N, C-alpha and C. Protein backbone atom coordinates (compact mmCIF):
# COMPACT_ATOMS: atom_id res chain seq x y z
N MET A 1 -21.62 13.01 0.26
CA MET A 1 -21.16 11.65 0.44
C MET A 1 -21.02 11.70 1.88
N ILE A 2 -21.72 10.62 2.26
CA ILE A 2 -22.02 10.41 3.74
C ILE A 2 -20.90 9.39 4.56
N MET A 3 -20.13 10.15 5.33
CA MET A 3 -19.23 8.84 6.02
C MET A 3 -19.28 8.62 7.53
N ASP A 4 -19.14 7.46 7.65
CA ASP A 4 -19.27 6.67 9.35
C ASP A 4 -17.91 7.87 10.10
N ASN A 5 -18.08 7.08 11.25
CA ASN A 5 -17.12 7.58 11.91
C ASN A 5 -15.46 6.77 11.55
N ASN A 6 -15.41 5.50 11.25
CA ASN A 6 -14.62 4.93 10.99
C ASN A 6 -13.69 5.06 9.81
N GLU A 7 -14.67 5.72 8.61
CA GLU A 7 -13.99 6.28 7.12
C GLU A 7 -13.86 7.87 7.91
N LYS A 8 -13.94 8.50 8.72
CA LYS A 8 -13.72 9.56 9.66
C LYS A 8 -11.94 9.26 9.97
N ALA A 9 -12.09 8.60 10.08
CA ALA A 9 -10.85 7.74 11.12
C ALA A 9 -9.53 8.28 10.48
N PHE A 10 -9.70 7.53 8.95
CA PHE A 10 -9.01 7.04 7.81
C PHE A 10 -8.52 8.75 7.17
N GLU A 11 -9.48 9.76 7.01
CA GLU A 11 -8.96 10.44 6.93
C GLU A 11 -8.06 11.23 7.23
N SER A 12 -7.46 11.04 8.78
CA SER A 12 -6.63 11.89 9.53
C SER A 12 -5.51 11.13 9.78
N TYR A 13 -5.07 10.02 8.82
CA TYR A 13 -4.30 9.34 9.08
C TYR A 13 -2.72 10.06 8.53
N THR A 14 -1.95 9.66 9.28
CA THR A 14 -0.80 10.96 9.63
C THR A 14 0.65 9.70 9.17
N GLY A 15 0.52 8.09 9.17
CA GLY A 15 1.50 6.97 9.32
C GLY A 15 2.21 6.81 10.44
N THR A 16 1.70 6.97 11.56
CA THR A 16 2.16 6.44 12.58
C THR A 16 1.30 5.91 13.45
N GLU A 17 -0.36 5.53 12.95
CA GLU A 17 -1.21 4.84 13.88
C GLU A 17 -0.94 3.59 13.87
N VAL A 18 -1.80 2.85 14.78
CA VAL A 18 -2.04 0.94 14.60
C VAL A 18 -3.40 1.24 14.36
N PHE A 19 -4.01 0.12 13.48
CA PHE A 19 -5.38 -0.29 13.76
C PHE A 19 -5.37 -1.18 14.41
N GLN A 20 -6.82 -1.22 15.48
CA GLN A 20 -7.41 -2.25 15.98
C GLN A 20 -8.42 -2.54 15.94
N ILE A 21 -8.95 -3.62 15.13
CA ILE A 21 -9.97 -3.86 14.23
C ILE A 21 -10.34 -5.48 15.05
N LEU A 22 -11.50 -4.87 15.68
CA LEU A 22 -12.66 -5.97 16.18
C LEU A 22 -13.30 -6.66 15.42
N LEU A 23 -13.33 -8.03 15.34
CA LEU A 23 -13.95 -9.08 14.50
C LEU A 23 -14.55 -10.40 14.67
N ASP A 24 -15.64 -10.62 14.42
CA ASP A 24 -15.86 -12.52 15.27
C ASP A 24 -15.48 -13.55 14.44
N GLY A 25 -15.13 -14.50 14.98
CA GLY A 25 -14.34 -15.37 14.90
C GLY A 25 -14.42 -16.19 13.59
N SER A 26 -15.16 -16.10 12.87
CA SER A 26 -15.44 -16.29 11.06
C SER A 26 -14.52 -15.23 10.40
N SER A 27 -15.07 -13.97 10.89
CA SER A 27 -14.22 -13.04 9.94
C SER A 27 -13.10 -12.76 10.40
N SER A 28 -12.33 -12.97 11.34
CA SER A 28 -10.92 -12.94 11.34
C SER A 28 -10.52 -13.91 10.66
N ARG A 29 -10.84 -15.52 10.66
CA ARG A 29 -10.10 -16.40 10.20
C ARG A 29 -10.39 -15.91 8.10
N ALA A 30 -11.44 -15.67 7.80
CA ALA A 30 -11.28 -15.09 6.49
C ALA A 30 -10.20 -13.97 6.36
N VAL A 31 -9.94 -12.94 6.68
CA VAL A 31 -9.10 -12.18 7.28
C VAL A 31 -7.54 -12.50 7.40
N LEU A 32 -7.25 -13.65 8.08
CA LEU A 32 -5.93 -14.12 8.17
C LEU A 32 -5.67 -14.52 7.07
N ASP A 33 -6.83 -15.75 6.13
CA ASP A 33 -6.48 -16.30 5.75
C ASP A 33 -6.11 -15.67 4.05
N ASP A 34 -7.05 -14.46 4.18
CA ASP A 34 -6.68 -13.66 2.84
C ASP A 34 -5.20 -13.09 3.41
N TRP A 35 -4.76 -12.61 4.30
CA TRP A 35 -3.34 -12.08 4.36
C TRP A 35 -2.23 -13.09 3.97
N LEU A 36 -2.77 -14.38 4.56
CA LEU A 36 -1.72 -15.32 4.18
C LEU A 36 -1.45 -15.66 2.67
N GLU A 37 -3.07 -15.66 1.91
CA GLU A 37 -2.73 -15.91 0.64
C GLU A 37 -2.29 -15.28 -0.41
N ARG A 38 -2.33 -13.94 0.49
CA ARG A 38 -1.96 -12.78 -0.80
C ARG A 38 -0.88 -12.59 -0.18
N ASN A 39 0.23 -12.85 0.50
CA ASN A 39 1.17 -12.74 1.11
C ASN A 39 1.43 -11.46 1.41
N ILE A 40 1.25 -10.96 1.85
CA ILE A 40 0.85 -9.05 2.21
C ILE A 40 2.01 -8.77 2.82
N GLN A 41 2.68 -7.80 2.65
CA GLN A 41 4.07 -7.36 3.71
C GLN A 41 3.64 -6.79 4.56
N SER A 42 3.03 -6.84 5.79
CA SER A 42 2.58 -5.82 6.64
C SER A 42 2.48 -7.25 7.67
N ASP A 43 2.95 -6.36 9.06
CA ASP A 43 2.65 -7.18 10.53
C ASP A 43 1.54 -7.51 11.05
N LEU A 44 0.94 -8.25 11.18
CA LEU A 44 -0.32 -8.30 12.36
C LEU A 44 -0.37 -9.19 13.57
N LYS A 45 -0.81 -8.43 14.29
CA LYS A 45 -0.88 -9.02 15.74
C LYS A 45 -2.05 -9.66 15.75
N VAL A 46 -2.44 -10.73 16.69
CA VAL A 46 -3.41 -11.11 16.55
C VAL A 46 -3.92 -11.57 18.21
N ARG A 47 -5.39 -10.96 18.67
CA ARG A 47 -5.00 -10.94 20.33
C ARG A 47 -6.40 -11.19 20.66
N ARG A 48 -7.36 -12.47 21.68
CA ARG A 48 -8.36 -12.43 21.92
C ARG A 48 -9.02 -11.01 22.41
N ALA A 49 -10.06 -10.72 22.37
CA ALA A 49 -10.75 -9.54 22.58
C ALA A 49 -11.73 -9.70 23.98
N LYS A 50 -12.09 -7.92 24.73
CA LYS A 50 -12.79 -8.46 25.76
C LYS A 50 -14.10 -9.24 25.69
N THR A 51 -14.54 -8.78 24.19
CA THR A 51 -15.97 -9.77 24.05
C THR A 51 -15.98 -11.41 23.37
N PRO A 52 -16.78 -11.70 24.39
CA PRO A 52 -16.70 -12.91 24.02
C PRO A 52 -17.30 -13.20 22.17
N GLY A 53 -15.84 -14.36 21.78
CA GLY A 53 -16.12 -15.19 20.71
C GLY A 53 -15.93 -13.76 19.37
N HIS A 54 -14.93 -12.84 20.09
CA HIS A 54 -14.09 -11.69 19.05
C HIS A 54 -12.70 -12.00 19.43
N VAL A 55 -12.35 -11.50 18.27
CA VAL A 55 -10.66 -11.50 18.25
C VAL A 55 -10.03 -10.03 17.49
N VAL A 56 -9.01 -9.27 17.94
CA VAL A 56 -8.72 -7.77 17.95
C VAL A 56 -7.51 -8.02 16.68
N ILE A 57 -7.46 -7.41 15.76
CA ILE A 57 -6.13 -7.66 14.68
C ILE A 57 -5.57 -6.31 14.56
N GLU A 58 -4.52 -6.12 14.94
CA GLU A 58 -3.52 -4.73 15.08
C GLU A 58 -2.57 -4.82 13.66
N THR A 59 -2.87 -3.83 12.90
CA THR A 59 -1.68 -3.81 11.92
C THR A 59 -1.60 -2.28 11.57
N GLY A 60 -0.27 -1.57 11.20
CA GLY A 60 0.05 -0.51 11.02
C GLY A 60 0.04 -0.40 9.46
N ASP A 61 -0.54 -1.39 8.47
CA ASP A 61 -0.62 -1.30 7.18
C ASP A 61 -2.24 -0.55 6.85
N VAL A 62 -2.35 0.75 6.33
CA VAL A 62 -3.44 1.66 6.04
C VAL A 62 -4.39 0.71 4.92
N LEU A 63 -3.30 0.15 4.29
CA LEU A 63 -4.42 -0.14 3.32
C LEU A 63 -5.00 -1.68 3.48
N PHE A 64 -4.08 -2.17 4.02
CA PHE A 64 -4.57 -3.58 4.91
C PHE A 64 -6.42 -3.55 5.44
N ALA A 65 -5.81 -2.63 6.66
CA ALA A 65 -7.10 -2.05 7.10
C ALA A 65 -8.24 -1.69 6.55
N ARG A 66 -8.09 -0.48 5.60
CA ARG A 66 -8.87 -0.45 4.85
C ARG A 66 -9.79 -1.40 4.15
N ASN A 67 -8.94 -2.00 3.67
CA ASN A 67 -9.70 -3.22 3.18
C ASN A 67 -10.20 -4.06 4.14
N VAL A 68 -10.16 -4.70 5.21
CA VAL A 68 -10.49 -5.01 6.11
C VAL A 68 -11.98 -4.29 6.36
N LEU A 69 -11.88 -2.97 6.85
CA LEU A 69 -13.35 -2.31 6.80
C LEU A 69 -14.22 -2.57 5.96
N ILE A 70 -13.73 -2.49 3.94
CA ILE A 70 -14.60 -2.60 2.90
C ILE A 70 -15.39 -3.80 3.31
N TRP A 71 -14.40 -5.10 3.59
CA TRP A 71 -14.80 -6.33 3.59
C TRP A 71 -15.93 -6.67 4.73
N ASN A 72 -16.03 -5.81 5.93
CA ASN A 72 -16.39 -5.89 6.97
C ASN A 72 -17.02 -4.33 7.70
N PRO A 73 -18.16 -4.16 7.00
CA PRO A 73 -18.35 -2.67 7.38
C PRO A 73 -18.72 -2.83 8.06
N SER A 74 -19.18 -3.47 9.10
CA SER A 74 -19.84 -3.44 10.65
C SER A 74 -18.76 -3.30 11.76
N CYS A 75 -17.64 -4.12 11.60
CA CYS A 75 -16.79 -4.11 12.18
C CYS A 75 -16.26 -2.86 13.04
N LYS A 76 -15.90 -2.60 14.20
CA LYS A 76 -14.97 -1.21 14.82
C LYS A 76 -13.68 -1.26 14.81
N VAL A 77 -13.63 0.13 14.21
CA VAL A 77 -12.34 0.01 14.48
C VAL A 77 -11.59 1.60 15.54
N ASN A 78 -10.65 0.59 16.01
CA ASN A 78 -9.87 1.74 16.98
C ASN A 78 -8.25 1.95 16.54
N ILE A 79 -8.23 3.53 16.31
CA ILE A 79 -7.21 3.81 16.00
C ILE A 79 -6.09 4.76 16.92
N LYS A 80 -4.90 4.40 17.43
CA LYS A 80 -4.20 3.47 18.20
C LYS A 80 -2.76 4.55 17.86
N LYS A 81 -2.25 6.11 18.14
CA LYS A 81 -1.04 6.50 17.84
C LYS A 81 -0.25 5.82 18.60
N LYS A 82 0.99 5.77 17.80
CA LYS A 82 2.34 5.41 18.39
C LYS A 82 3.02 6.40 19.21
């Protein structure tokens, strides 16, 4: 099985990470809609990215972050240790 860098990063999860996910405007809207509709019990922080037309979504929920990556395989994920 071939893993890309995002998948390798999830392999070393310890529970103290914050996932910063870079998405374009329409993808971020879909992610936020899903988060609201499913009433997911995790915190999200949304901010404008330096990249024009993009948004960064931050979460500490590994399962939600993994689902976002599955739905948007071309998105970039930065994992920050707390």
